[in-house]
PDB file of N, CA and C in Angstrom:
ATOM      1  N   MET A   1      89.227 -10.917  10.626  1.00  0.00           N
ATOM      2  CA  MET A   1      89.878 -11.257  11.879  1.00  0.00           C
ATOM      3  C   MET A   1      90.038  -9.984  12.722  1.00  0.00           C
ATOM      4  N   ILE A   2      89.804 -10.112  14.019  1.00  0.00           N
ATOM      5  CA  ILE A   2      89.815  -8.976  14.936  1.00  0.00           C
ATOM      6  C   ILE A   2      91.167  -8.264  14.957  1.00  0.00           C
ATOM      7  N   GLY A   3      92.259  -9.007  15.059  1.00  0.00           N
ATOM      8  CA  GLY A   3      93.584  -8.394  15.117  1.00  0.00           C
ATOM      9  C   GLY A   3      93.909  -7.588  13.873  1.00  0.00           C
ATOM     10  N   VAL A   4      93.473  -8.075  12.727  1.00  0.00           N
ATOM     11  CA  VAL A   4      93.706  -7.366  11.468  1.00  0.00           C
ATOM     12  C   VAL A   4      92.919  -6.061  11.449  1.00  0.00           C
ATOM     13  N   ALA A   5      91.677  -6.101  11.944  1.00  0.00           N
ATOM     14  CA  ALA A   5      90.865  -4.885  11.996  1.00  0.00           C
ATOM     15  C   ALA A   5      91.501  -3.852  12.917  1.00  0.00           C
ATOM     16  N   ALA A   6      92.003  -4.282  14.075  1.00  0.00           N
ATOM     17  CA  ALA A   6      92.663  -3.352  15.007  1.00  0.00           C
ATOM     18  C   ALA A   6      93.896  -2.741  14.351  1.00  0.00           C
ATOM     19  N   ALA A   7      94.653  -3.545  13.619  1.00  0.00           N
ATOM     20  CA  ALA A   7      95.869  -3.057  12.962  1.00  0.00           C
ATOM     21  C   ALA A   7      95.567  -2.017  11.894  1.00  0.00           C
ATOM     22  N   GLY A   8      94.347  -2.027  11.363  1.00  0.00           N
ATOM     23  CA  GLY A   8      93.981  -1.073  10.325  1.00  0.00           C
ATOM     24  C   GLY A   8      93.502   0.272  10.842  1.00  0.00           C
ATOM     25  N   LEU A   9      93.340   0.407  12.171  1.00  0.00           N
ATOM     26  CA  LEU A   9      92.886   1.689  12.722  1.00  0.00           C
ATOM     27  C   LEU A   9      93.850   2.811  12.377  1.00  0.00           C
ATOM     28  N   LYS A  10      93.295   4.005  12.204  1.00  0.00           N
ATOM     29  CA  LYS A  10      94.124   5.178  11.896  1.00  0.00           C
ATOM     30  C   LYS A  10      93.358   6.437  12.294  1.00  0.00           C
ATOM     31  N   ALA A  11      94.063   7.544  12.330  1.00  0.00           N
ATOM     32  CA  ALA A  11      93.422   8.826  12.626  1.00  0.00           C
ATOM     33  C   ALA A  11      92.228   9.004  11.702  1.00  0.00           C
ATOM     34  N   GLY A  12      91.113   9.448  12.287  1.00  0.00           N
ATOM     35  CA  GLY A  12      89.879   9.613  11.543  1.00  0.00           C
ATOM     36  C   GLY A  12      88.910   8.468  11.769  1.00  0.00           C
ATOM     37  N   ASP A  13      89.414   7.292  12.173  1.00  0.00           N
ATOM     38  CA  ASP A  13      88.558   6.153  12.504  1.00  0.00           C
ATOM     39  C   ASP A  13      88.197   6.224  13.987  1.00  0.00           C
ATOM     40  N   CYS A  14      86.985   5.854  14.318  1.00  0.00           N
ATOM     41  CA  CYS A  14      86.556   5.726  15.722  1.00  0.00           C
ATOM     42  C   CYS A  14      86.889   6.970  16.545  1.00  0.00           C
ATOM     43  N   SER A  15      86.771   8.131  15.957  1.00  0.00           N
ATOM     44  CA  SER A  15      87.043   9.418  16.618  1.00  0.00           C
ATOM     45  C   SER A  15      88.506   9.626  16.991  1.00  0.00           C
ATOM     46  N   LEU A  16      89.436   8.879  16.383  1.00  0.00           N
ATOM     47  CA  LEU A  16      90.859   9.080  16.669  1.00  0.00           C
ATOM     48  C   LEU A  16      91.344  10.373  16.029  1.00  0.00           C
ATOM     49  N   THR A  17      92.040  11.174  16.796  1.00  0.00           N
ATOM     50  CA  THR A  17      92.618  12.425  16.289  1.00  0.00           C
ATOM     51  C   THR A  17      94.101  12.489  16.626  1.00  0.00           C
ATOM     52  N   ASP A  18      94.743  11.331  16.743  1.00  0.00           N
ATOM     53  CA  ASP A  18      96.110  11.246  17.247  1.00  0.00           C
ATOM     54  C   ASP A  18      97.182  11.187  16.164  1.00  0.00           C
ATOM     55  N   GLY A  19      96.801  11.266  14.910  1.00  0.00           N
ATOM     56  CA  GLY A  19      97.780  11.203  13.832  1.00  0.00           C
ATOM     57  C   GLY A  19      98.270   9.793  13.546  1.00  0.00           C
ATOM     58  N   SER A  20      97.603   8.786  14.099  1.00  0.00           N
ATOM     59  CA  SER A  20      98.054   7.411  13.893  1.00  0.00           C
ATOM     60  C   SER A  20      97.805   6.968  12.454  1.00  0.00           C
ATOM     61  N   SER A  21      98.557   5.941  12.064  1.00  0.00           N
ATOM     62  CA  SER A  21      98.468   5.363  10.722  1.00  0.00           C
ATOM     63  C   SER A  21      98.137   3.882  10.846  1.00  0.00           C
ATOM     64  N   PRO A  22      97.645   3.254   9.764  1.00  0.00           N
ATOM     65  CA  PRO A  22      97.434   1.812   9.816  1.00  0.00           C
ATOM     66  C   PRO A  22      98.723   1.110  10.241  1.00  0.00           C
ATOM     67  N   GLY A  23      98.588   0.146  11.141  1.00  0.00           N
ATOM     68  CA  GLY A  23      99.747  -0.572  11.670  1.00  0.00           C
ATOM     69  C   GLY A  23     100.210  -0.057  13.020  1.00  0.00           C
ATOM     70  N   ASP A  24      99.720   1.117  13.454  1.00  0.00           N
ATOM     71  CA  ASP A  24     100.102   1.665  14.765  1.00  0.00           C
ATOM     72  C   ASP A  24      99.348   0.982  15.910  1.00  0.00           C
ATOM     73  N   TRP A  25      98.176   0.408  15.630  1.00  0.00           N
ATOM     74  CA  TRP A  25      97.318  -0.166  16.662  1.00  0.00           C
ATOM     75  C   TRP A  25      97.285  -1.680  16.553  1.00  0.00           C
ATOM     76  N   ARG A  26      97.073  -2.352  17.694  1.00  0.00           N
ATOM     77  CA  ARG A  26      96.983  -3.809  17.747  1.00  0.00           C
ATOM     78  C   ARG A  26      96.220  -4.204  19.006  1.00  0.00           C
ATOM     79  N   LEU A  27      95.911  -5.488  19.145  1.00  0.00           N
ATOM     80  CA  LEU A  27      95.305  -5.984  20.375  1.00  0.00           C
ATOM     81  C   LEU A  27      96.390  -6.191  21.424  1.00  0.00           C
ATOM     82  N   PRO A  28      96.079  -5.963  22.700  1.00  0.00           N
ATOM     83  CA  PRO A  28      97.068  -6.217  23.751  1.00  0.00           C
ATOM     84  C   PRO A  28      97.239  -7.716  23.988  1.00  0.00           C
ATOM     85  N   THR A  29      98.415  -8.108  24.422  1.00  0.00           N
ATOM     86  CA  THR A  29      98.669  -9.500  24.782  1.00  0.00           C
ATOM     87  C   THR A  29      98.086  -9.787  26.172  1.00  0.00           C
ATOM     88  N   ARG A  30      98.051 -11.056  26.535  1.00  0.00           N
ATOM     89  CA  ARG A  30      97.592 -11.433  27.881  1.00  0.00           C
ATOM     90  C   ARG A  30      98.473 -10.760  28.935  1.00  0.00           C
ATOM     91  N   ALA A  31      99.770 -10.747  28.721  1.00  0.00           N
ATOM     92  CA  ALA A  31     100.683 -10.124  29.689  1.00  0.00           C
ATOM     93  C   ALA A  31     100.414  -8.627  29.826  1.00  0.00           C
ATOM     94  N   GLU A  32     100.133  -7.965  28.725  1.00  0.00           N
ATOM     95  CA  GLU A  32      99.839  -6.529  28.793  1.00  0.00           C
ATOM     96  C   GLU A  32      98.533  -6.273  29.539  1.00  0.00           C
ATOM     97  N   TRP A  33      97.503  -7.085  29.276  1.00  0.00           N
ATOM     98  CA  TRP A  33      96.262  -6.950  30.049  1.00  0.00           C
ATOM     99  C   TRP A  33      96.553  -7.169  31.527  1.00  0.00           C
ATOM    100  N   GLY A  34      97.318  -8.220  31.834  1.00  0.00           N
ATOM    101  CA  GLY A  34      97.627  -8.537  33.225  1.00  0.00           C
ATOM    102  C   GLY A  34      98.329  -7.391  33.943  1.00  0.00           C
ATOM    103  N   ALA A  35      99.153  -6.651  33.221  1.00  0.00           N
ATOM    104  CA  ALA A  35      99.868  -5.521  33.827  1.00  0.00           C
ATOM    105  C   ALA A  35      98.933  -4.372  34.193  1.00  0.00           C
ATOM    106  N   THR A  36      97.728  -4.354  33.633  1.00  0.00           N
ATOM    107  CA  THR A  36      96.773  -3.285  33.949  1.00  0.00           C
ATOM    108  C   THR A  36      95.853  -3.645  35.113  1.00  0.00           C
ATOM    109  N   PHE A  37      95.850  -4.928  35.512  1.00  0.00           N
ATOM    110  CA  PHE A  37      94.954  -5.370  36.585  1.00  0.00           C
ATOM    111  C   PHE A  37      95.475  -4.952  37.948  1.00  0.00           C
ATOM    112  N   PHE A  38      94.547  -4.719  38.873  1.00  0.00           N
ATOM    113  CA  PHE A  38      94.905  -4.332  40.230  1.00  0.00           C
ATOM    114  C   PHE A  38      93.809  -4.816  41.167  1.00  0.00           C
ATOM    115  N   GLY A  39      94.187  -5.230  42.331  1.00  0.00           N
ATOM    116  CA  GLY A  39      93.211  -5.470  43.382  1.00  0.00           C
ATOM    117  C   GLY A  39      92.761  -6.885  43.590  1.00  0.00           C
ATOM    118  N   GLY A  40      93.201  -7.832  42.750  1.00  0.00           N
ATOM    119  CA  GLY A  40      92.826  -9.218  42.952  1.00  0.00           C
ATOM    120  C   GLY A  40      91.328  -9.434  43.114  1.00  0.00           C
ATOM    121  N   GLY A  41      90.526  -8.675  42.411  1.00  0.00           N
ATOM    122  CA  GLY A  41      89.088  -8.848  42.459  1.00  0.00           C
ATOM    123  C   GLY A  41      88.368  -7.927  43.424  1.00  0.00           C
ATOM    124  N   HIS A  42      89.088  -7.143  44.246  1.00  0.00           N
ATOM    125  CA  HIS A  42      88.363  -6.224  45.148  1.00  0.00           C
ATOM    126  C   HIS A  42      88.089  -4.869  44.510  1.00  0.00           C
ATOM    127  N   CYS A  43      88.683  -4.614  43.365  1.00  0.00           N
ATOM    128  CA  CYS A  43      88.343  -3.424  42.582  1.00  0.00           C
ATOM    129  C   CYS A  43      87.289  -3.852  41.567  1.00  0.00           C
ATOM    130  N   PHE A  44      86.398  -2.949  41.227  1.00  0.00           N
ATOM    131  CA  PHE A  44      85.349  -3.282  40.269  1.00  0.00           C
ATOM    132  C   PHE A  44      85.212  -2.168  39.251  1.00  0.00           C
ATOM    133  N   PRO A  45      85.773  -2.265  38.070  1.00  0.00           N
ATOM    134  CA  PRO A  45      86.534  -3.386  37.532  1.00  0.00           C
ATOM    135  C   PRO A  45      87.951  -3.431  38.085  1.00  0.00           C
ATOM    136  N   SER A  46      88.635  -4.534  37.839  1.00  0.00           N
ATOM    137  CA  SER A  46      89.980  -4.768  38.380  1.00  0.00           C
ATOM    138  C   SER A  46      91.066  -4.125  37.543  1.00  0.00           C
ATOM    139  N   LEU A  47      90.940  -2.845  37.277  1.00  0.00           N
ATOM    140  CA  LEU A  47      91.952  -2.103  36.536  1.00  0.00           C
ATOM    141  C   LEU A  47      92.631  -1.122  37.478  1.00  0.00           C
ATOM    142  N   ALA A  48      93.913  -0.893  37.228  1.00  0.00           N
ATOM    143  CA  ALA A  48      94.695   0.010  38.070  1.00  0.00           C
ATOM    144  C   ALA A  48      94.524   1.463  37.632  1.00  0.00           C
ATOM    145  N   ASN A  49      94.807   2.361  38.580  1.00  0.00           N
ATOM    146  CA  ASN A  49      94.895   3.772  38.217  1.00  0.00           C
ATOM    147  C   ASN A  49      96.174   3.969  37.401  1.00  0.00           C
ATOM    148  N   ASP A  50      96.419   5.166  36.898  1.00  0.00           N
ATOM    149  CA  ASP A  50      97.576   5.396  36.034  1.00  0.00           C
ATOM    150  C   ASP A  50      98.907   5.109  36.711  1.00  0.00           C
ATOM    151  N   ALA A  51      98.993   5.318  38.013  1.00  0.00           N
ATOM    152  CA  ALA A  51     100.237   5.053  38.743  1.00  0.00           C
ATOM    153  C   ALA A  51     100.427   3.563  39.014  1.00  0.00           C
ATOM    154  N   GLY A  52      99.360   2.767  38.873  1.00  0.00           N
ATOM    155  CA  GLY A  52      99.448   1.338  39.158  1.00  0.00           C
ATOM    156  C   GLY A  52      99.450   1.018  40.638  1.00  0.00           C
ATOM    157  N   THR A  53      99.005   1.973  41.461  1.00  0.00           N
ATOM    158  CA  THR A  53      99.081   1.812  42.916  1.00  0.00           C
ATOM    159  C   THR A  53      97.734   1.604  43.592  1.00  0.00           C
ATOM    160  N   ALA A  54      96.641   1.718  42.850  1.00  0.00           N
ATOM    161  CA  ALA A  54      95.305   1.605  43.438  1.00  0.00           C
ATOM    162  C   ALA A  54      94.308   1.272  42.332  1.00  0.00           C
ATOM    163  N   CYS A  55      93.057   1.078  42.731  1.00  0.00           N
ATOM    164  CA  CYS A  55      91.984   0.804  41.770  1.00  0.00           C
ATOM    165  C   CYS A  55      91.782   1.999  40.844  1.00  0.00           C
ATOM    166  N   LEU A  56      91.286   1.733  39.653  1.00  0.00           N
ATOM    167  CA  LEU A  56      91.057   2.834  38.724  1.00  0.00           C
ATOM    168  C   LEU A  56      90.084   3.852  39.294  1.00  0.00           C
ATOM    169  N   SER A  57      89.152   3.435  40.139  1.00  0.00           N
ATOM    170  CA  SER A  57      88.192   4.373  40.736  1.00  0.00           C
ATOM    171  C   SER A  57      88.866   5.367  41.674  1.00  0.00           C
ATOM    172  N   ASP A  58      90.092   5.043  42.136  1.00  0.00           N
ATOM    173  CA  ASP A  58      90.840   5.966  42.980  1.00  0.00           C
ATOM    174  C   ASP A  58      91.568   7.017  42.148  1.00  0.00           C
ATOM    175  N   GLY A  59      91.622   6.813  40.824  1.00  0.00           N
ATOM    176  CA  GLY A  59      92.168   7.768  39.871  1.00  0.00           C
ATOM    177  C   GLY A  59      93.559   8.273  40.175  1.00  0.00           C
ATOM    178  N   PRO A  60      94.076   9.123  39.324  1.00  0.00           N
ATOM    179  CA  PRO A  60      93.560   9.355  37.974  1.00  0.00           C
ATOM    180  C   PRO A  60      93.763   8.104  37.117  1.00  0.00           C
ATOM    181  N   SER A  61      92.897   7.944  36.113  1.00  0.00           N
ATOM    182  CA  SER A  61      92.960   6.759  35.275  1.00  0.00           C
ATOM    183  C   SER A  61      92.669   7.093  33.821  1.00  0.00           C
ATOM    184  N   SER A  62      93.405   6.432  32.952  1.00  0.00           N
ATOM    185  CA  SER A  62      93.189   6.571  31.514  1.00  0.00           C
ATOM    186  C   SER A  62      92.113   5.618  31.014  1.00  0.00           C
ATOM    187  N   PHE A  63      91.585   4.770  31.898  1.00  0.00           N
ATOM    188  CA  PHE A  63      90.569   3.797  31.516  1.00  0.00           C
ATOM    189  C   PHE A  63      89.166   4.373  31.647  1.00  0.00           C
ATOM    190  N   ALA A  64      88.965   5.545  31.126  1.00  0.00           N
ATOM    191  CA  ALA A  64      87.643   6.181  31.202  1.00  0.00           C
ATOM    192  C   ALA A  64      86.617   5.365  30.442  1.00  0.00           C
ATOM    193  N   GLY A  65      85.413   5.308  30.975  1.00  0.00           N
ATOM    194  CA  GLY A  65      84.313   4.680  30.265  1.00  0.00           C
ATOM    195  C   GLY A  65      84.083   3.216  30.535  1.00  0.00           C
ATOM    196  N   VAL A  66      84.941   2.563  31.333  1.00  0.00           N
ATOM    197  CA  VAL A  66      84.711   1.162  31.663  1.00  0.00           C
ATOM    198  C   VAL A  66      83.768   1.123  32.839  1.00  0.00           C
ATOM    199  N   ALA A  67      82.547   0.649  32.616  1.00  0.00           N
ATOM    200  CA  ALA A  67      81.576   0.779  33.681  1.00  0.00           C
ATOM    201  C   ALA A  67      80.698  -0.420  33.959  1.00  0.00           C
ATOM    202  N   SER A  68      80.175  -1.105  32.952  1.00  0.00           N
ATOM    203  CA  SER A  68      79.105  -2.022  33.301  1.00  0.00           C
ATOM    204  C   SER A  68      79.153  -3.372  32.614  1.00  0.00           C
ATOM    205  N   GLY A  69      78.413  -4.295  33.203  1.00  0.00           N
ATOM    206  CA  GLY A  69      78.140  -5.656  32.805  1.00  0.00           C
ATOM    207  C   GLY A  69      78.846  -6.265  31.626  1.00  0.00           C
ATOM    208  N   ASP A  70      78.280  -6.115  30.448  1.00  0.00           N
ATOM    209  CA  ASP A  70      78.805  -6.832  29.289  1.00  0.00           C
ATOM    210  C   ASP A  70      80.070  -6.203  28.731  1.00  0.00           C
ATOM    211  N   GLU A  71      80.578  -5.171  29.357  1.00  0.00           N
ATOM    212  CA  GLU A  71      81.808  -4.534  28.896  1.00  0.00           C
ATOM    213  C   GLU A  71      83.044  -5.089  29.589  1.00  0.00           C
ATOM    214  N   TYR A  72      82.940  -6.243  30.232  1.00  0.00           N
ATOM    215  CA  TYR A  72      84.057  -6.754  31.010  1.00  0.00           C
ATOM    216  C   TYR A  72      84.845  -7.871  30.349  1.00  0.00           C
ATOM    217  N   PHE A  73      84.477  -8.315  29.162  1.00  0.00           N
ATOM    218  CA  PHE A  73      85.200  -9.362  28.461  1.00  0.00           C
ATOM    219  C   PHE A  73      85.829  -8.768  27.212  1.00  0.00           C
ATOM    220  N   PHE A  74      87.168  -8.810  27.141  1.00  0.00           N
ATOM    221  CA  PHE A  74      87.891  -8.180  26.040  1.00  0.00           C
ATOM    222  C   PHE A  74      88.880  -9.158  25.419  1.00  0.00           C
ATOM    223  N   TRP A  75      88.981  -9.098  24.089  1.00  0.00           N
ATOM    224  CA  TRP A  75      89.948  -9.911  23.371  1.00  0.00           C
ATOM    225  C   TRP A  75      91.365  -9.588  23.801  1.00  0.00           C
ATOM    226  N   SER A  76      92.211 -10.597  23.791  1.00  0.00           N
ATOM    227  CA  SER A  76      93.649 -10.373  23.850  1.00  0.00           C
ATOM    228  C   SER A  76      94.228 -10.952  22.560  1.00  0.00           C
ATOM    229  N   LEU A  77      95.474 -10.697  22.322  1.00  0.00           N
ATOM    230  CA  LEU A  77      96.159 -11.216  21.144  1.00  0.00           C
ATOM    231  C   LEU A  77      96.659 -12.639  21.375  1.00  0.00           C
ATOM    232  N   THR A  78      96.550 -13.126  22.614  1.00  0.00           N
ATOM    233  CA  THR A  78      97.163 -14.387  23.008  1.00  0.00           C
ATOM    234  C   THR A  78      96.237 -15.584  22.773  1.00  0.00           C
ATOM    235  N   THR A  79      96.676 -16.489  21.917  1.00  0.00           N
ATOM    236  CA  THR A  79      95.954 -17.736  21.672  1.00  0.00           C
ATOM    237  C   THR A  79      96.217 -18.679  22.840  1.00  0.00           C
ATOM    238  N   ASP A  80      95.215 -19.466  23.214  1.00  0.00           N
ATOM    239  CA  ASP A  80      95.367 -20.474  24.260  1.00  0.00           C
ATOM    240  C   ASP A  80      96.303 -21.562  23.742  1.00  0.00           C
ATOM    241  N   GLU A  81      97.416 -21.790  24.430  1.00  0.00           N
ATOM    242  CA  GLU A  81      98.413 -22.765  23.971  1.00  0.00           C
ATOM    243  C   GLU A  81      97.850 -24.175  23.886  1.00  0.00           C
ATOM    244  N   ASP A  82      96.907 -24.511  24.767  1.00  0.00           N
ATOM    245  CA  ASP A  82      96.342 -25.852  24.798  1.00  0.00           C
ATOM    246  C   ASP A  82      95.157 -26.027  23.837  1.00  0.00           C
ATOM    247  N   ALA A  83      94.626 -24.940  23.353  1.00  0.00           N
ATOM    248  CA  ALA A  83      93.460 -24.989  22.467  1.00  0.00           C
ATOM    249  C   ALA A  83      93.578 -23.881  21.431  1.00  0.00           C
ATOM    250  N   PRO A  84      94.252 -24.135  20.309  1.00  0.00           N
ATOM    251  CA  PRO A  84      94.547 -23.088  19.331  1.00  0.00           C
ATOM    252  C   PRO A  84      93.340 -22.382  18.713  1.00  0.00           C
ATOM    253  N   LEU A  85      92.145 -22.944  18.857  1.00  0.00           N
ATOM    254  CA  LEU A  85      90.958 -22.274  18.333  1.00  0.00           C
ATOM    255  C   LEU A  85      90.332 -21.344  19.375  1.00  0.00           C
ATOM    256  N   PHE A  86      91.025 -21.182  20.506  1.00  0.00           N
ATOM    257  CA  PHE A  86      90.549 -20.329  21.592  1.00  0.00           C
ATOM    258  C   PHE A  86      91.546 -19.211  21.848  1.00  0.00           C
ATOM    259  N   VAL A  87      91.041 -18.110  22.372  1.00  0.00           N
ATOM    260  CA  VAL A  87      91.875 -16.958  22.713  1.00  0.00           C
ATOM    261  C   VAL A  87      91.752 -16.702  24.210  1.00  0.00           C
ATOM    262  N   ARG A  88      92.802 -16.188  24.814  1.00  0.00           N
ATOM    263  CA  ARG A  88      92.772 -15.819  26.229  1.00  0.00           C
ATOM    264  C   ARG A  88      92.068 -14.469  26.315  1.00  0.00           C
ATOM    265  N   THR A  89      90.947 -14.444  27.014  1.00  0.00           N
ATOM    266  CA  THR A  89      90.104 -13.263  27.127  1.00  0.00           C
ATOM    267  C   THR A  89      90.299 -12.609  28.481  1.00  0.00           C
ATOM    268  N   ALA A  90      90.525 -11.312  28.501  1.00  0.00           N
ATOM    269  CA  ALA A  90      90.668 -10.565  29.758  1.00  0.00           C
ATOM    270  C   ALA A  90      89.282 -10.352  30.353  1.00  0.00           C
ATOM    271  N   VAL A  91      89.151 -10.681  31.642  1.00  0.00           N
ATOM    272  CA  VAL A  91      87.890 -10.511  32.362  1.00  0.00           C
ATOM    273  C   VAL A  91      88.109  -9.367  33.349  1.00  0.00           C
ATOM    274  N   LEU A  92      87.646  -8.174  32.987  1.00  0.00           N
ATOM    275  CA  LEU A  92      87.961  -6.981  33.760  1.00  0.00           C
ATOM    276  C   LEU A  92      87.299  -6.927  35.126  1.00  0.00           C
ATOM    277  N   TYR A  93      86.158  -7.597  35.330  1.00  0.00           N
ATOM    278  CA  TYR A  93      85.498  -7.447  36.625  1.00  0.00           C
ATOM    279  C   TYR A  93      86.226  -8.167  37.743  1.00  0.00           C
ATOM    280  N   ASN A  94      87.094  -9.142  37.428  1.00  0.00           N
ATOM    281  CA  ASN A  94      87.832  -9.791  38.513  1.00  0.00           C
ATOM    282  C   ASN A  94      89.321  -9.952  38.229  1.00  0.00           C
ATOM    283  N   GLY A  95      89.813  -9.393  37.147  1.00  0.00           N
ATOM    284  CA  GLY A  95      91.240  -9.436  36.851  1.00  0.00           C
ATOM    285  C   GLY A  95      91.751 -10.820  36.518  1.00  0.00           C
ATOM    286  N   SER A  96      90.967 -11.585  35.791  1.00  0.00           N
ATOM    287  CA  SER A  96      91.383 -12.939  35.438  1.00  0.00           C
ATOM    288  C   SER A  96      91.342 -13.107  33.919  1.00  0.00           C
ATOM    289  N   PHE A  97      91.607 -14.335  33.483  1.00  0.00           N
ATOM    290  CA  PHE A  97      91.548 -14.675  32.064  1.00  0.00           C
ATOM    291  C   PHE A  97      90.780 -15.972  31.902  1.00  0.00           C
ATOM    292  N   ILE A  98      90.016 -16.050  30.833  1.00  0.00           N
ATOM    293  CA  ILE A  98      89.348 -17.288  30.467  1.00  0.00           C
ATOM    294  C   ILE A  98      89.613 -17.539  28.993  1.00  0.00           C
ATOM    295  N   SER A  99      89.468 -18.768  28.585  1.00  0.00           N
ATOM    296  CA  SER A  99      89.599 -19.096  27.170  1.00  0.00           C
ATOM    297  C   SER A  99      88.224 -19.046  26.535  1.00  0.00           C
ATOM    298  N   GLN A 100      88.151 -18.382  25.401  1.00  0.00           N
ATOM    299  CA  GLN A 100      86.902 -18.269  24.657  1.00  0.00           C
ATOM    300  C   GLN A 100      87.175 -18.658  23.210  1.00  0.00           C
ATOM    301  N   PRO A 101      86.203 -19.297  22.552  1.00  0.00           N
ATOM    302  CA  PRO A 101      86.385 -19.618  21.128  1.00  0.00           C
ATOM    303  C   PRO A 101      86.609 -18.349  20.306  1.00  0.00           C
ATOM    304  N   LYS A 102      87.491 -18.433  19.346  1.00  0.00           N
ATOM    305  CA  LYS A 102      87.830 -17.272  18.522  1.00  0.00           C
ATOM    306  C   LYS A 102      86.664 -16.769  17.681  1.00  0.00           C
ATOM    307  N   HIS A 103      85.631 -17.570  17.481  1.00  0.00           N
ATOM    308  CA  HIS A 103      84.503 -17.130  16.650  1.00  0.00           C
ATOM    309  C   HIS A 103      83.504 -16.267  17.426  1.00  0.00           C
ATOM    310  N   LEU A 104      83.636 -16.151  18.744  1.00  0.00           N
ATOM    311  CA  LEU A 104      82.702 -15.343  19.522  1.00  0.00           C
ATOM    312  C   LEU A 104      82.911 -13.854  19.285  1.00  0.00           C
ATOM    313  N   THR A 105      81.887 -13.078  19.545  1.00  0.00           N
ATOM    314  CA  THR A 105      81.973 -11.626  19.460  1.00  0.00           C
ATOM    315  C   THR A 105      82.247 -11.090  20.862  1.00  0.00           C
ATOM    316  N   MET A 106      83.325 -10.340  20.996  1.00  0.00           N
ATOM    317  CA  MET A 106      83.678  -9.696  22.263  1.00  0.00           C
ATOM    318  C   MET A 106      84.189  -8.301  21.968  1.00  0.00           C
ATOM    319  N   ARG A 107      84.345  -7.522  23.003  1.00  0.00           N
ATOM    320  CA  ARG A 107      84.856  -6.156  22.856  1.00  0.00           C
ATOM    321  C   ARG A 107      86.359  -6.184  22.630  1.00  0.00           C
ATOM    322  N   VAL A 108      86.856  -5.112  22.045  1.00  0.00           N
ATOM    323  CA  VAL A 108      88.292  -4.946  21.845  1.00  0.00           C
ATOM    324  C   VAL A 108      88.729  -3.631  22.485  1.00  0.00           C
ATOM    325  N   TRP A 109      89.960  -3.590  22.890  1.00  0.00           N
ATOM    326  CA  TRP A 109      90.561  -2.370  23.415  1.00  0.00           C
ATOM    327  C   TRP A 109      91.954  -2.275  22.813  1.00  0.00           C
ATOM    328  N   PRO A 110      92.056  -1.779  21.580  1.00  0.00           N
ATOM    329  CA  PRO A 110      93.355  -1.727  20.915  1.00  0.00           C
ATOM    330  C   PRO A 110      94.354  -0.860  21.685  1.00  0.00           C
ATOM    331  N   VAL A 111      95.616  -1.229  21.549  1.00  0.00           N
ATOM    332  CA  VAL A 111      96.711  -0.453  22.133  1.00  0.00           C
ATOM    333  C   VAL A 111      97.609   0.002  20.986  1.00  0.00           C
ATOM    334  N   ARG A 112      98.293   1.082  21.228  1.00  0.00           N
ATOM    335  CA  ARG A 112      99.157   1.626  20.198  1.00  0.00           C
ATOM    336  C   ARG A 112     100.591   1.168  20.461  1.00  0.00           C
ATOM    337  N   GLY A 113     101.205   0.632  19.455  1.00  0.00           N
ATOM    338  CA  GLY A 113     102.574   0.167  19.579  1.00  0.00           C
ATOM    339  C   GLY A 113     102.830  -0.992  18.650  1.00  0.00           C
ATOM    340  N   GLY A 114     104.087  -1.339  18.488  1.00  0.00           N
ATOM    341  CA  GLY A 114     104.482  -2.383  17.560  1.00  0.00           C
ATOM    342  C   GLY A 114     103.987  -3.756  17.949  1.00  0.00           C
ATOM    343  N   PRO A 115     104.107  -4.714  17.036  1.00  0.00           N
ATOM    344  CA  PRO A 115     103.657  -6.070  17.309  1.00  0.00           C
ATOM    345  C   PRO A 115     104.416  -6.704  18.464  1.00  0.00           C
ATOM    346  N   ARG A 116     103.727  -7.527  19.233  1.00  0.00           N
ATOM    347  CA  ARG A 116     104.336  -8.203  20.389  1.00  0.00           C
ATOM    348  C   ARG A 116     104.393  -9.681  20.149  1.00  0.00           C
TER     349      ARG A 116
END
C-alpha cells in the first residue's frame, strides 16, 4: 500500500539526509494538497510560491522539479467518501481533484509530519 511505503521512508532512502525515521513521512491529505494550490488554473502547475501569494514560477518555491505532463497526478491520503475503492487525486496542472481507483499507479509526494 502506498501510504505504508511513504510511512517507512527514513534518512538514507531516496536521497534523504534529514535525519528522519520511519513514521516521520506520510501522504498529504486532500486539504493539505488544496492549501498548496494557487491561481485557479492560471498557474501551470497550480502550486503556490512559499509565501502562498503567487504562482510557484514567481518563486521562491520549495516545489522544485515539478515540470511536465505525467507528473501532475499525485496520490492523496483521502479516500473518496462516495466510492471507498477510490482515492482523491491532486491534479497539479489545474489545482483540482479527481477520484482515481486505488489500484492505479500514480506519483507520490510524501510530507513530513504526524498522521492526519
